[in-house]
Amino acid sequence: MNHIRFISVFLLAMTFALPTAVAQEDAQKDSAEKQQAEETKPKGRLALRGEKRRKRIMEEYEATGKVKHCVPMRSLRQSIILDDSTIFFESIGRKGYMNKLPRECRGLMREERYAYSNSFGSLCRAEIITILDSFGRSWGSCSLGDFEEYQKKPKAESSE
């Protein structure tokens, strides 16, 4: 009798487990197909704009290998949004800083506007930036990463 009860419970468990396993397998296949479609999909206008900006920066600058946690705000001239997780800060003189955000900041590339509140005179890792739309409305917040230092290439080398 216990043997029959065990078989009944086993069959009942398999009835519920099998569809779940099949559903998980189907979801994994769907996810892989979506990822493959994303990789082969033509790049959008924002991605192309970011690639052009990145190419220009890489033609003008080279990484020094130095990483800073903070940079003085008074030395920063402008920021260039490369994608939803990368900002390049041009600095006075021959330096620049690449900031790779720890997480993707949705809307950063599309809106190209952000704000931050700072009373220390330096822009630092973990500083919170708020994405703004063209009307100044907040679209979310993200934190900055470390600042990788870049140096402008000598004139002869950068014009190749």
C-alpha atoms as a PDB file:
ATOM      1  CA  MET A   1       0.000   0.000   0.000  1.00  0.00           C
ATOM      2  CA  ASN A   2       2.844   2.406   0.851  1.00  0.00           C
ATOM      3  CA  HIS A   3       4.468   1.437  -2.404  1.00  0.00           C
ATOM      4  CA  ILE A   4       1.364   2.447  -4.382  1.00  0.00           C
ATOM      5  CA  ARG A   5       1.104   5.710  -2.442  1.00  0.00           C
ATOM      6  CA  PHE A   6       4.768   6.463  -3.249  1.00  0.00           C
ATOM      7  CA  ILE A   7       4.192   5.833  -6.964  1.00  0.00           C
ATOM      8  CA  SER A   8       1.087   8.060  -6.925  1.00  0.00           C
ATOM      9  CA  VAL A   9       2.972  10.909  -5.238  1.00  0.00           C
ATOM     10  CA  PHE A  10       5.892  10.440  -7.644  1.00  0.00           C
ATOM     11  CA  LEU A  11       3.598  10.567 -10.694  1.00  0.00           C
ATOM     12  CA  LEU A  12       1.817  13.615  -9.302  1.00  0.00           C
ATOM     13  CA  ALA A  13       5.157  15.390  -8.726  1.00  0.00           C
ATOM     14  CA  MET A  14       6.325  14.560 -12.249  1.00  0.00           C
ATOM     15  CA  THR A  15       3.063  15.907 -13.661  1.00  0.00           C
ATOM     16  CA  PHE A  16       3.858  19.325 -12.180  1.00  0.00           C
ATOM     17  CA  ALA A  17       7.651  19.259 -12.651  1.00  0.00           C
ATOM     18  CA  LEU A  18       7.727  18.263 -16.323  1.00  0.00           C
ATOM     19  CA  PRO A  19       5.781  21.272 -17.689  1.00  0.00           C
ATOM     20  CA  THR A  20       7.908  23.588 -15.534  1.00  0.00           C
ATOM     21  CA  ALA A  21      11.137  22.118 -16.898  1.00  0.00           C
ATOM     22  CA  VAL A  22       9.830  22.359 -20.473  1.00  0.00           C
ATOM     23  CA  ALA A  23       8.744  25.972 -19.894  1.00  0.00           C
ATOM     24  CA  GLN A  24      12.188  26.852 -18.503  1.00  0.00           C
ATOM     25  CA  GLU A  25      13.872  25.237 -21.499  1.00  0.00           C
ATOM     26  CA  ASP A  26      11.596  27.164 -23.880  1.00  0.00           C
ATOM     27  CA  ALA A  27      12.333  30.423 -22.036  1.00  0.00           C
ATOM     28  CA  GLN A  28      16.094  29.801 -22.357  1.00  0.00           C
ATOM     29  CA  LYS A  29      15.721  29.155 -26.095  1.00  0.00           C
ATOM     30  CA  ASP A  30      13.625  32.327 -26.493  1.00  0.00           C
ATOM     31  CA  SER A  31      16.213  34.336 -24.574  1.00  0.00           C
ATOM     32  CA  ALA A  32      19.059  33.008 -26.736  1.00  0.00           C
ATOM     33  CA  GLU A  33      17.095  33.767 -29.912  1.00  0.00           C
ATOM     34  CA  LYS A  34      16.362  37.325 -28.722  1.00  0.00           C
ATOM     35  CA  GLN A  35      20.026  37.893 -27.889  1.00  0.00           C
ATOM     36  CA  GLN A  36      21.084  36.631 -31.310  1.00  0.00           C
ATOM     37  CA  ALA A  37      18.498  38.896 -32.969  1.00  0.00           C
ATOM     38  CA  GLU A  38      19.822  41.897 -30.986  1.00  0.00           C
ATOM     39  CA  GLU A  39      23.391  41.156 -32.072  1.00  0.00           C
ATOM     40  CA  THR A  40      22.452  40.966 -35.758  1.00  0.00           C
ATOM     41  CA  LYS A  41      19.984  43.878 -35.686  1.00  0.00           C
ATOM     42  CA  PRO A  42      21.175  47.043 -37.435  1.00  0.00           C
ATOM     43  CA  LYS A  43      22.463  49.636 -34.980  1.00  0.00           C
ATOM     44  CA  GLY A  44      20.217  52.549 -34.153  1.00  0.00           C
ATOM     45  CA  ARG A  45      20.991  56.185 -34.679  1.00  0.00           C
ATOM     46  CA  LEU A  46      21.972  56.692 -31.012  1.00  0.00           C
ATOM     47  CA  ALA A  47      24.422  53.786 -31.082  1.00  0.00           C
ATOM     48  CA  LEU A  48      26.004  55.113 -34.268  1.00  0.00           C
ATOM     49  CA  ARG A  49      26.302  58.592 -32.746  1.00  0.00           C
ATOM     50  CA  GLY A  50      28.013  57.095 -29.689  1.00  0.00           C
ATOM     51  CA  GLU A  51      30.422  55.089 -31.839  1.00  0.00           C
ATOM     52  CA  LYS A  52      31.421  58.213 -33.796  1.00  0.00           C
ATOM     53  CA  ARG A  53      32.080  60.088 -30.559  1.00  0.00           C
ATOM     54  CA  ARG A  54      34.092  57.196 -29.118  1.00  0.00           C
ATOM     55  CA  LYS A  55      36.161  56.963 -32.328  1.00  0.00           C
ATOM     56  CA  ARG A  56      36.964  60.691 -32.213  1.00  0.00           C
ATOM     57  CA  ILE A  57      38.020  60.457 -28.568  1.00  0.00           C
ATOM     58  CA  MET A  58      40.211  57.412 -29.216  1.00  0.00           C
ATOM     59  CA  GLU A  59      41.872  59.243 -32.124  1.00  0.00           C
ATOM     60  CA  GLU A  60      42.707  62.217 -29.877  1.00  0.00           C
ATOM     61  CA  TYR A  61      43.383  60.558 -26.509  1.00  0.00           C
ATOM     62  CA  GLU A  62      45.173  57.532 -25.090  1.00  0.00           C
ATOM     63  CA  ALA A  63      44.710  55.858 -21.713  1.00  0.00           C
ATOM     64  CA  THR A  64      47.417  56.579 -19.138  1.00  0.00           C
ATOM     65  CA  GLY A  65      46.513  53.602 -16.957  1.00  0.00           C
ATOM     66  CA  LYS A  66      45.812  55.876 -13.983  1.00  0.00           C
ATOM     67  CA  VAL A  67      42.463  55.651 -12.235  1.00  0.00           C
ATOM     68  CA  LYS A  68      41.108  58.352  -9.946  1.00  0.00           C
ATOM     69  CA  HIS A  69      38.196  58.238  -7.540  1.00  0.00           C
ATOM     70  CA  CYS A  70      37.604  62.002  -7.845  1.00  0.00           C
ATOM     71  CA  VAL A  71      38.402  64.776 -10.313  1.00  0.00           C
ATOM     72  CA  PRO A  72      38.224  68.519  -9.591  1.00  0.00           C
ATOM     73  CA  MET A  73      35.145  70.043 -11.211  1.00  0.00           C
ATOM     74  CA  ARG A  74      36.924  73.327 -11.975  1.00  0.00           C
ATOM     75  CA  SER A  75      39.174  71.468 -14.452  1.00  0.00           C
ATOM     76  CA  LEU A  76      36.306  69.850 -16.413  1.00  0.00           C
ATOM     77  CA  ARG A  77      35.317  71.582 -19.661  1.00  0.00           C
ATOM     78  CA  GLN A  78      32.568  69.354 -21.024  1.00  0.00           C
ATOM     79  CA  SER A  79      31.129  65.870 -20.866  1.00  0.00           C
ATOM     80  CA  ILE A  80      30.480  63.642 -23.859  1.00  0.00           C
ATOM     81  CA  ILE A  81      27.896  60.873 -23.541  1.00  0.00           C
ATOM     82  CA  LEU A  82      29.103  57.759 -25.382  1.00  0.00           C
ATOM     83  CA  ASP A  83      26.323  55.351 -24.389  1.00  0.00           C
ATOM     84  CA  ASP A  84      23.995  54.619 -21.482  1.00  0.00           C
ATOM     85  CA  SER A  85      26.918  53.617 -19.273  1.00  0.00           C
ATOM     86  CA  THR A  86      29.904  55.716 -20.403  1.00  0.00           C
ATOM     87  CA  ILE A  87      30.686  59.438 -20.096  1.00  0.00           C
ATOM     88  CA  PHE A  88      33.925  61.055 -21.254  1.00  0.00           C
ATOM     89  CA  PHE A  89      34.885  64.237 -19.397  1.00  0.00           C
ATOM     90  CA  GLU A  90      37.175  66.606 -21.300  1.00  0.00           C
ATOM     91  CA  SER A  91      39.449  68.502 -18.979  1.00  0.00           C
ATOM     92  CA  ILE A  92      41.456  71.696 -19.238  1.00  0.00           C
ATOM     93  CA  GLY A  93      44.912  71.014 -20.626  1.00  0.00           C
ATOM     94  CA  ARG A  94      45.686  67.716 -22.263  1.00  0.00           C
ATOM     95  CA  LYS A  95      43.672  65.364 -20.041  1.00  0.00           C
ATOM     96  CA  GLY A  96      40.331  63.640 -20.165  1.00  0.00           C
ATOM     97  CA  TYR A  97      38.541  61.103 -17.980  1.00  0.00           C
ATOM     98  CA  MET A  98      36.502  58.107 -19.085  1.00  0.00           C
ATOM     99  CA  ASN A  99      33.816  57.218 -16.571  1.00  0.00           C
ATOM    100  CA  LYS A 100      32.236  53.787 -16.908  1.00  0.00           C
ATOM    101  CA  LEU A 101      29.103  53.753 -14.775  1.00  0.00           C
ATOM    102  CA  PRO A 102      28.683  50.625 -12.635  1.00  0.00           C
ATOM    103  CA  ARG A 103      25.269  49.979 -14.202  1.00  0.00           C
ATOM    104  CA  GLU A 104      23.507  51.014 -17.379  1.00  0.00           C
ATOM    105  CA  CYS A 105      21.712  54.328 -16.959  1.00  0.00           C
ATOM    106  CA  ARG A 106      18.701  54.064 -19.263  1.00  0.00           C
ATOM    107  CA  GLY A 107      17.961  57.242 -21.174  1.00  0.00           C
ATOM    108  CA  LEU A 108      21.375  58.844 -20.666  1.00  0.00           C
ATOM    109  CA  MET A 109      22.360  58.611 -24.347  1.00  0.00           C
ATOM    110  CA  ARG A 110      18.891  59.549 -25.591  1.00  0.00           C
ATOM    111  CA  GLU A 111      18.426  62.591 -23.345  1.00  0.00           C
ATOM    112  CA  GLU A 112      22.091  63.682 -23.100  1.00  0.00           C
ATOM    113  CA  ARG A 113      21.225  65.778 -20.064  1.00  0.00           C
ATOM    114  CA  TYR A 114      21.992  65.114 -16.450  1.00  0.00           C
ATOM    115  CA  ALA A 115      22.328  67.022 -13.225  1.00  0.00           C
ATOM    116  CA  TYR A 116      24.198  66.465 -10.012  1.00  0.00           C
ATOM    117  CA  SER A 117      24.393  68.196  -6.675  1.00  0.00           C
ATOM    118  CA  ASN A 118      27.857  68.716  -5.260  1.00  0.00           C
ATOM    119  CA  SER A 119      29.282  71.019  -2.641  1.00  0.00           C
ATOM    120  CA  PHE A 120      32.821  69.593  -2.428  1.00  0.00           C
ATOM    121  CA  GLY A 121      34.265  70.923  -5.693  1.00  0.00           C
ATOM    122  CA  SER A 122      35.078  67.450  -7.005  1.00  0.00           C
ATOM    123  CA  LEU A 123      33.144  64.915  -9.027  1.00  0.00           C
ATOM    124  CA  CYS A 124      33.650  61.515  -7.412  1.00  0.00           C
ATOM    125  CA  ARG A 125      32.928  57.837  -7.813  1.00  0.00           C
ATOM    126  CA  ALA A 126      29.462  56.954  -6.475  1.00  0.00           C
ATOM    127  CA  GLU A 127      28.265  60.542  -7.103  1.00  0.00           C
ATOM    128  CA  ILE A 128      24.603  60.386  -8.118  1.00  0.00           C
ATOM    129  CA  ILE A 129      23.606  61.903 -11.455  1.00  0.00           C
ATOM    130  CA  THR A 130      19.965  62.459 -12.411  1.00  0.00           C
ATOM    131  CA  ILE A 131      18.899  62.048 -16.038  1.00  0.00           C
ATOM    132  CA  LEU A 132      16.790  64.962 -17.276  1.00  0.00           C
ATOM    133  CA  ASP A 133      14.570  65.240 -20.343  1.00  0.00           C
ATOM    134  CA  SER A 134      14.363  68.368 -22.521  1.00  0.00           C
ATOM    135  CA  PHE A 135      11.787  69.843 -20.114  1.00  0.00           C
ATOM    136  CA  GLY A 136      14.003  69.308 -17.069  1.00  0.00           C
ATOM    137  CA  ARG A 137      11.966  66.394 -15.721  1.00  0.00           C
ATOM    138  CA  SER A 138      13.840  63.629 -13.919  1.00  0.00           C
ATOM    139  CA  TRP A 139      14.088  60.256 -15.698  1.00  0.00           C
ATOM    140  CA  GLY A 140      16.022  58.354 -13.044  1.00  0.00           C
ATOM    141  CA  SER A 141      19.342  58.390 -11.274  1.00  0.00           C
ATOM    142  CA  CYS A 142      22.634  56.547 -11.583  1.00  0.00           C
ATOM    143  CA  SER A 143      25.984  56.593  -9.847  1.00  0.00           C
ATOM    144  CA  LEU A 144      29.328  57.388 -11.435  1.00  0.00           C
ATOM    145  CA  GLY A 145      32.217  54.940 -11.546  1.00  0.00           C
ATOM    146  CA  ASP A 146      35.963  55.514 -11.317  1.00  0.00           C
ATOM    147  CA  PHE A 147      37.593  58.076 -13.595  1.00  0.00           C
ATOM    148  CA  GLU A 148      40.128  56.510 -15.970  1.00  0.00           C
ATOM    149  CA  GLU A 149      42.649  59.159 -16.987  1.00  0.00           C
ATOM    150  CA  TYR A 150      43.385  59.829 -20.662  1.00  0.00           C
ATOM    151  CA  GLN A 151      46.084  62.050 -22.130  1.00  0.00           C
ATOM    152  CA  LYS A 152      45.882  63.825 -25.489  1.00  0.00           C
ATOM    153  CA  LYS A 153      48.125  62.232 -28.078  1.00  0.00           C
ATOM    154  CA  PRO A 154      50.912  64.332 -29.581  1.00  0.00           C
ATOM    155  CA  LYS A 155      49.674  66.316 -32.630  1.00  0.00           C
ATOM    156  CA  ALA A 156      51.546  64.233 -35.248  1.00  0.00           C
ATOM    157  CA  GLU A 157      50.189  60.952 -33.832  1.00  0.00           C
ATOM    158  CA  SER A 158      46.568  62.069 -33.409  1.00  0.00           C
ATOM    159  CA  SER A 159      46.217  63.318 -37.004  1.00  0.00           C
ATOM    160  CA  GLU A 160      46.924  59.904 -38.595  1.00  0.00           C
END
